[in-house]
Amino acid sequence: MSSPTCEDEGLPSWAQSWNIPFKSMMIGVKVLGKGHFGEVRDGAVLVGGEISKAAIKTLKANASDNDRQNFMEEFRTLTKIGQHPNVVSILGACHNDDILYVALEFMPNGDLRTYT
């Protein structure tokens, strides 16, 4: 993966292998979901010279400690699993302007809670 750029503030040490520059994330205007932590938007990410459609999950700077902890636990789990055919895969992540962005594989049918 790429090294941080001057505009990136960095990720935790355990997530460095998933770090991508903020300029490699294309964050769309369509909100796919919202929560206490932030929101999920449609988008794409450029990794290894290829653009992949993505769901961009964000953690806002003003998230509660509990929301932050839950978000980081999920993020850490995704970094440990990496690419797996039976799990939504992480594509990359970056931290910019006090917001953590996590790019996930885009699921065209939405999340499992609302899928019918």
N, C-alpha and C. Protein backbone atom coordinates (compact mmCIF):
# COMPACT_ATOMS: atom_id res chain seq x y z
N MET A 1 0.83 -1.18 0.00
CA MET A 1 0.00 0.00 0.00
C MET A 1 0.88 1.25 0.00
N SER A 2 0.27 2.37 -0.25
CA SER A 2 0.99 3.64 -0.35
C SER A 2 1.32 4.20 1.02
N SER A 3 2.32 5.05 1.04
CA SER A 3 2.66 5.73 2.30
C SER A 3 1.80 6.98 2.45
N PRO A 4 1.66 7.50 3.68
CA PRO A 4 0.83 8.68 3.89
C PRO A 4 1.35 9.89 3.13
N THR A 5 0.43 10.77 2.76
CA THR A 5 0.83 12.03 2.14
C THR A 5 0.82 13.11 3.21
N CYS A 6 1.26 14.30 2.87
CA CYS A 6 1.33 15.38 3.85
C CYS A 6 -0.04 15.76 4.39
N GLU A 7 -1.11 15.52 3.64
CA GLU A 7 -2.43 15.87 4.11
C GLU A 7 -3.04 14.79 5.01
N ASP A 8 -2.45 13.61 5.02
CA ASP A 8 -2.96 12.52 5.83
C ASP A 8 -2.34 12.58 7.22
N GLU A 9 -3.16 12.27 8.23
CA GLU A 9 -2.68 12.32 9.59
C GLU A 9 -2.27 10.96 10.12
N GLY A 10 -2.48 9.93 9.34
CA GLY A 10 -2.03 8.60 9.71
C GLY A 10 -3.10 7.74 10.36
N LEU A 11 -2.84 6.47 10.34
CA LEU A 11 -3.71 5.45 10.92
C LEU A 11 -2.98 4.81 12.08
N PRO A 12 -3.71 4.05 12.92
CA PRO A 12 -3.02 3.31 13.98
C PRO A 12 -1.98 2.36 13.37
N SER A 13 -0.97 2.02 14.12
CA SER A 13 0.11 1.17 13.61
C SER A 13 -0.40 -0.16 13.07
N TRP A 14 -1.42 -0.73 13.69
CA TRP A 14 -1.96 -2.02 13.24
C TRP A 14 -2.70 -1.92 11.91
N ALA A 15 -2.99 -0.71 11.44
CA ALA A 15 -3.74 -0.53 10.20
C ALA A 15 -2.88 0.03 9.07
N GLN A 16 -1.60 0.22 9.30
CA GLN A 16 -0.74 0.87 8.30
C GLN A 16 -0.73 0.16 6.95
N SER A 17 -0.87 -1.15 6.93
CA SER A 17 -0.82 -1.86 5.65
C SER A 17 -2.04 -1.55 4.77
N TRP A 18 -3.09 -0.95 5.35
CA TRP A 18 -4.29 -0.58 4.61
C TRP A 18 -4.34 0.91 4.28
N ASN A 19 -3.32 1.65 4.64
CA ASN A 19 -3.30 3.10 4.43
C ASN A 19 -3.22 3.45 2.95
N ILE A 20 -4.10 4.35 2.52
CA ILE A 20 -4.04 4.89 1.17
C ILE A 20 -4.14 6.40 1.29
N PRO A 21 -3.59 7.15 0.35
CA PRO A 21 -3.70 8.61 0.40
C PRO A 21 -5.16 9.05 0.24
N PHE A 22 -5.52 10.12 0.92
CA PHE A 22 -6.89 10.65 0.84
C PHE A 22 -7.27 10.95 -0.60
N LYS A 23 -6.33 11.42 -1.39
CA LYS A 23 -6.64 11.75 -2.79
C LYS A 23 -7.00 10.52 -3.62
N SER A 24 -6.78 9.32 -3.09
CA SER A 24 -7.16 8.09 -3.78
C SER A 24 -8.59 7.66 -3.48
N MET A 25 -9.27 8.41 -2.60
CA MET A 25 -10.67 8.12 -2.28
C MET A 25 -11.57 9.10 -3.02
N MET A 26 -12.55 8.55 -3.69
CA MET A 26 -13.54 9.36 -4.38
C MET A 26 -14.85 9.18 -3.61
N ILE A 27 -15.21 10.16 -2.83
CA ILE A 27 -16.37 10.06 -1.95
C ILE A 27 -17.56 10.70 -2.64
N GLY A 28 -18.61 9.90 -2.84
CA GLY A 28 -19.80 10.36 -3.53
C GLY A 28 -20.71 11.18 -2.63
N VAL A 29 -21.77 11.69 -3.20
CA VAL A 29 -22.73 12.49 -2.45
C VAL A 29 -23.88 11.65 -1.90
N LYS A 30 -24.09 10.46 -2.44
CA LYS A 30 -25.19 9.61 -2.00
C LYS A 30 -24.86 8.97 -0.65
N VAL A 31 -25.71 9.22 0.34
CA VAL A 31 -25.54 8.62 1.66
C VAL A 31 -26.24 7.26 1.65
N LEU A 32 -25.47 6.21 1.92
CA LEU A 32 -26.01 4.85 1.95
C LEU A 32 -26.56 4.49 3.32
N GLY A 33 -26.06 5.15 4.36
CA GLY A 33 -26.51 4.89 5.71
C GLY A 33 -25.94 5.90 6.68
N LYS A 34 -26.59 6.05 7.84
CA LYS A 34 -26.14 6.99 8.87
C LYS A 34 -26.18 6.31 10.22
N GLY A 35 -25.34 6.79 11.11
CA GLY A 35 -25.33 6.28 12.47
C GLY A 35 -24.72 7.32 13.40
N HIS A 36 -24.59 6.96 14.65
CA HIS A 36 -24.00 7.88 15.62
C HIS A 36 -22.55 8.19 15.29
N PHE A 37 -21.85 7.23 14.70
CA PHE A 37 -20.43 7.38 14.40
C PHE A 37 -20.17 8.32 13.24
N GLY A 38 -21.08 8.39 12.30
CA GLY A 38 -20.88 9.17 11.08
C GLY A 38 -21.83 8.68 10.02
N GLU A 39 -21.31 8.37 8.84
CA GLU A 39 -22.17 7.88 7.77
C GLU A 39 -21.39 7.03 6.80
N VAL A 40 -22.15 6.38 5.91
CA VAL A 40 -21.57 5.58 4.84
C VAL A 40 -22.04 6.20 3.53
N ARG A 41 -21.07 6.51 2.66
CA ARG A 41 -21.39 7.12 1.36
C ARG A 41 -20.92 6.21 0.24
N ASP A 42 -21.55 6.37 -0.91
CA ASP A 42 -21.07 5.66 -2.07
C ASP A 42 -19.77 6.30 -2.51
N GLY A 43 -18.98 5.57 -3.25
CA GLY A 43 -17.73 6.13 -3.73
C GLY A 43 -16.90 5.10 -4.45
N ALA A 44 -15.64 5.41 -4.55
CA ALA A 44 -14.68 4.52 -5.19
C ALA A 44 -13.32 4.78 -4.57
N VAL A 45 -12.42 3.85 -4.79
CA VAL A 45 -11.08 3.99 -4.25
C VAL A 45 -10.07 3.48 -5.28
N LEU A 46 -8.96 4.17 -5.39
CA LEU A 46 -7.89 3.80 -6.30
C LEU A 46 -6.82 3.08 -5.49
N VAL A 47 -6.66 1.80 -5.75
CA VAL A 47 -5.65 1.00 -5.05
C VAL A 47 -4.92 0.15 -6.08
N GLY A 48 -3.61 0.23 -6.08
CA GLY A 48 -2.82 -0.57 -7.01
C GLY A 48 -3.12 -0.29 -8.46
N GLY A 49 -3.46 0.95 -8.77
CA GLY A 49 -3.73 1.35 -10.14
C GLY A 49 -5.12 0.99 -10.64
N GLU A 50 -5.95 0.38 -9.79
CA GLU A 50 -7.30 0.01 -10.18
C GLU A 50 -8.33 0.76 -9.34
N ILE A 51 -9.41 1.18 -9.97
CA ILE A 51 -10.50 1.85 -9.26
C ILE A 51 -11.56 0.80 -8.93
N SER A 52 -11.94 0.75 -7.67
CA SER A 52 -12.99 -0.18 -7.21
C SER A 52 -14.13 0.62 -6.61
N LYS A 53 -15.37 0.24 -6.96
CA LYS A 53 -16.55 0.85 -6.34
C LYS A 53 -16.49 0.50 -4.86
N ALA A 54 -16.87 1.45 -4.01
CA ALA A 54 -16.73 1.24 -2.57
C ALA A 54 -17.84 1.92 -1.79
N ALA A 55 -18.02 1.43 -0.59
CA ALA A 55 -18.83 2.11 0.42
C ALA A 55 -17.83 2.76 1.36
N ILE A 56 -17.88 4.06 1.51
CA ILE A 56 -16.92 4.79 2.33
C ILE A 56 -17.54 5.08 3.69
N LYS A 57 -17.03 4.42 4.71
CA LYS A 57 -17.53 4.57 6.07
C LYS A 57 -16.68 5.62 6.78
N THR A 58 -17.34 6.51 7.52
CA THR A 58 -16.61 7.58 8.19
C THR A 58 -16.84 7.57 9.69
N LEU A 59 -15.84 8.04 10.41
CA LEU A 59 -15.95 8.29 11.84
C LEU A 59 -15.66 9.76 12.05
N LYS A 60 -16.66 10.49 12.52
CA LYS A 60 -16.49 11.93 12.71
C LYS A 60 -15.68 12.21 13.96
N ALA A 61 -15.02 13.35 13.96
CA ALA A 61 -14.17 13.75 15.07
C ALA A 61 -14.95 13.88 16.37
N ASN A 62 -16.23 14.26 16.30
CA ASN A 62 -17.01 14.47 17.52
C ASN A 62 -17.79 13.23 17.96
N ALA A 63 -17.44 12.04 17.46
CA ALA A 63 -18.11 10.81 17.88
C ALA A 63 -17.84 10.55 19.36
N SER A 64 -18.80 9.93 20.02
CA SER A 64 -18.62 9.61 21.44
C SER A 64 -17.50 8.58 21.60
N ASP A 65 -16.96 8.49 22.80
CA ASP A 65 -15.90 7.51 23.07
C ASP A 65 -16.38 6.10 22.77
N ASN A 66 -17.63 5.79 23.14
CA ASN A 66 -18.19 4.46 22.91
C ASN A 66 -18.32 4.17 21.40
N ASP A 67 -18.84 5.14 20.64
CA ASP A 67 -18.95 4.97 19.20
C ASP A 67 -17.58 4.83 18.56
N ARG A 68 -16.64 5.63 19.00
CA ARG A 68 -15.27 5.56 18.49
C ARG A 68 -14.68 4.18 18.75
N GLN A 69 -14.86 3.68 19.96
CA GLN A 69 -14.32 2.36 20.32
C GLN A 69 -14.95 1.26 19.46
N ASN A 70 -16.27 1.30 19.29
CA ASN A 70 -16.95 0.31 18.46
C ASN A 70 -16.49 0.37 17.01
N PHE A 71 -16.36 1.58 16.48
CA PHE A 71 -15.90 1.76 15.11
C PHE A 71 -14.49 1.20 14.94
N MET A 72 -13.62 1.52 15.89
CA MET A 72 -12.23 1.06 15.80
C MET A 72 -12.11 -0.45 15.95
N GLU A 73 -12.97 -1.05 16.79
CA GLU A 73 -12.97 -2.51 16.92
C GLU A 73 -13.38 -3.17 15.61
N GLU A 74 -14.41 -2.62 14.98
CA GLU A 74 -14.84 -3.14 13.68
C GLU A 74 -13.74 -2.95 12.64
N PHE A 75 -13.14 -1.79 12.62
CA PHE A 75 -12.04 -1.49 11.68
C PHE A 75 -10.89 -2.47 11.90
N ARG A 76 -10.51 -2.70 13.14
CA ARG A 76 -9.41 -3.61 13.45
C ARG A 76 -9.74 -5.03 13.00
N THR A 77 -10.96 -5.47 13.24
CA THR A 77 -11.37 -6.80 12.80
C THR A 77 -11.27 -6.93 11.29
N LEU A 78 -11.74 -5.91 10.57
CA LEU A 78 -11.65 -5.93 9.11
C LEU A 78 -10.21 -5.99 8.62
N THR A 79 -9.31 -5.29 9.31
CA THR A 79 -7.90 -5.32 8.88
C THR A 79 -7.29 -6.69 9.13
N LYS A 80 -7.74 -7.39 10.17
CA LYS A 80 -7.22 -8.74 10.45
C LYS A 80 -7.74 -9.75 9.43
N ILE A 81 -9.01 -9.61 9.03
CA ILE A 81 -9.59 -10.54 8.07
C ILE A 81 -9.04 -10.27 6.68
N GLY A 82 -8.92 -9.00 6.33
CA GLY A 82 -8.41 -8.64 5.00
C GLY A 82 -9.38 -9.03 3.90
N GLN A 83 -8.88 -9.69 2.88
CA GLN A 83 -9.70 -10.11 1.75
C GLN A 83 -10.19 -11.53 2.00
N HIS A 84 -11.50 -11.73 1.98
CA HIS A 84 -12.10 -13.05 2.18
C HIS A 84 -13.38 -13.11 1.35
N PRO A 85 -13.62 -14.23 0.66
CA PRO A 85 -14.80 -14.30 -0.21
C PRO A 85 -16.14 -14.26 0.52
N ASN A 86 -16.17 -14.53 1.81
CA ASN A 86 -17.44 -14.58 2.55
C ASN A 86 -17.64 -13.40 3.49
N VAL A 87 -16.77 -12.41 3.42
CA VAL A 87 -16.85 -11.25 4.31
C VAL A 87 -16.67 -9.99 3.47
N VAL A 88 -17.42 -8.94 3.80
CA VAL A 88 -17.21 -7.66 3.12
C VAL A 88 -15.77 -7.25 3.38
N SER A 89 -15.03 -7.02 2.31
CA SER A 89 -13.60 -6.76 2.42
C SER A 89 -13.27 -5.29 2.55
N ILE A 90 -12.25 -5.01 3.31
CA ILE A 90 -11.71 -3.66 3.40
C ILE A 90 -10.84 -3.43 2.16
N LEU A 91 -10.94 -2.24 1.59
CA LEU A 91 -10.15 -1.89 0.42
C LEU A 91 -9.00 -0.95 0.78
N GLY A 92 -9.19 -0.16 1.83
CA GLY A 92 -8.18 0.80 2.26
C GLY A 92 -8.78 1.76 3.25
N ALA A 93 -7.92 2.59 3.85
CA ALA A 93 -8.39 3.57 4.84
C ALA A 93 -7.41 4.74 4.89
N CYS A 94 -7.93 5.87 5.37
CA CYS A 94 -7.07 7.03 5.61
C CYS A 94 -7.72 7.91 6.67
N HIS A 95 -6.92 8.78 7.23
CA HIS A 95 -7.38 9.72 8.25
C HIS A 95 -7.04 11.11 7.73
N ASN A 96 -8.06 11.96 7.59
CA ASN A 96 -7.85 13.28 7.01
C ASN A 96 -8.79 14.27 7.65
N ASP A 97 -8.28 15.42 8.04
CA ASP A 97 -9.09 16.49 8.66
C ASP A 97 -9.96 15.97 9.81
N ASP A 98 -9.37 15.19 10.68
CA ASP A 98 -10.04 14.63 11.86
C ASP A 98 -11.15 13.63 11.54
N ILE A 99 -11.17 13.11 10.33
CA ILE A 99 -12.16 12.10 9.96
C ILE A 99 -11.43 10.84 9.50
N LEU A 100 -11.84 9.70 10.03
CA LEU A 100 -11.31 8.42 9.60
C LEU A 100 -12.23 7.90 8.50
N TYR A 101 -11.65 7.58 7.36
CA TYR A 101 -12.39 7.04 6.22
C TYR A 101 -11.96 5.60 6.02
N VAL A 102 -12.93 4.69 5.93
CA VAL A 102 -12.65 3.29 5.67
C VAL A 102 -13.42 2.89 4.42
N ALA A 103 -12.70 2.47 3.39
CA ALA A 103 -13.32 2.05 2.13
C ALA A 103 -13.56 0.55 2.19
N LEU A 104 -14.84 0.18 2.01
CA LEU A 104 -15.24 -1.22 2.04
C LEU A 104 -15.76 -1.64 0.68
N GLU A 105 -15.66 -2.91 0.41
CA GLU A 105 -16.23 -3.47 -0.81
C GLU A 105 -17.70 -3.06 -0.91
N PHE A 106 -18.10 -2.58 -2.07
CA PHE A 106 -19.48 -2.14 -2.27
C PHE A 106 -20.38 -3.35 -2.44
N MET A 107 -21.47 -3.38 -1.68
CA MET A 107 -22.46 -4.46 -1.77
C MET A 107 -23.71 -3.89 -2.43
N PRO A 108 -23.98 -4.23 -3.69
CA PRO A 108 -25.07 -3.60 -4.44
C PRO A 108 -26.45 -3.82 -3.83
N ASN A 109 -26.62 -4.85 -3.01
CA ASN A 109 -27.93 -5.12 -2.39
C ASN A 109 -28.03 -4.55 -0.98
N GLY A 110 -27.06 -3.76 -0.56
CA GLY A 110 -27.11 -3.14 0.77
C GLY A 110 -26.64 -4.07 1.87
N ASP A 111 -26.92 -3.66 3.10
CA ASP A 111 -26.46 -4.44 4.25
C ASP A 111 -27.39 -5.63 4.51
N LEU A 112 -26.92 -6.58 5.30
CA LEU A 112 -27.69 -7.80 5.55
C LEU A 112 -28.91 -7.56 6.42
N ARG A 113 -28.88 -6.50 7.24
CA ARG A 113 -30.03 -6.21 8.11
C ARG A 113 -31.26 -5.82 7.31
N THR A 114 -31.05 -5.11 6.21
CA THR A 114 -32.20 -4.63 5.43
C THR A 114 -32.42 -5.42 4.15
N TYR A 115 -31.55 -6.38 3.86
CA TYR A 115 -31.68 -7.18 2.63
C TYR A 115 -32.86 -8.14 2.76
N THR A 116 -33.71 -8.18 1.75
CA THR A 116 -34.85 -9.11 1.77
C THR A 116 -34.83 -10.04 0.59
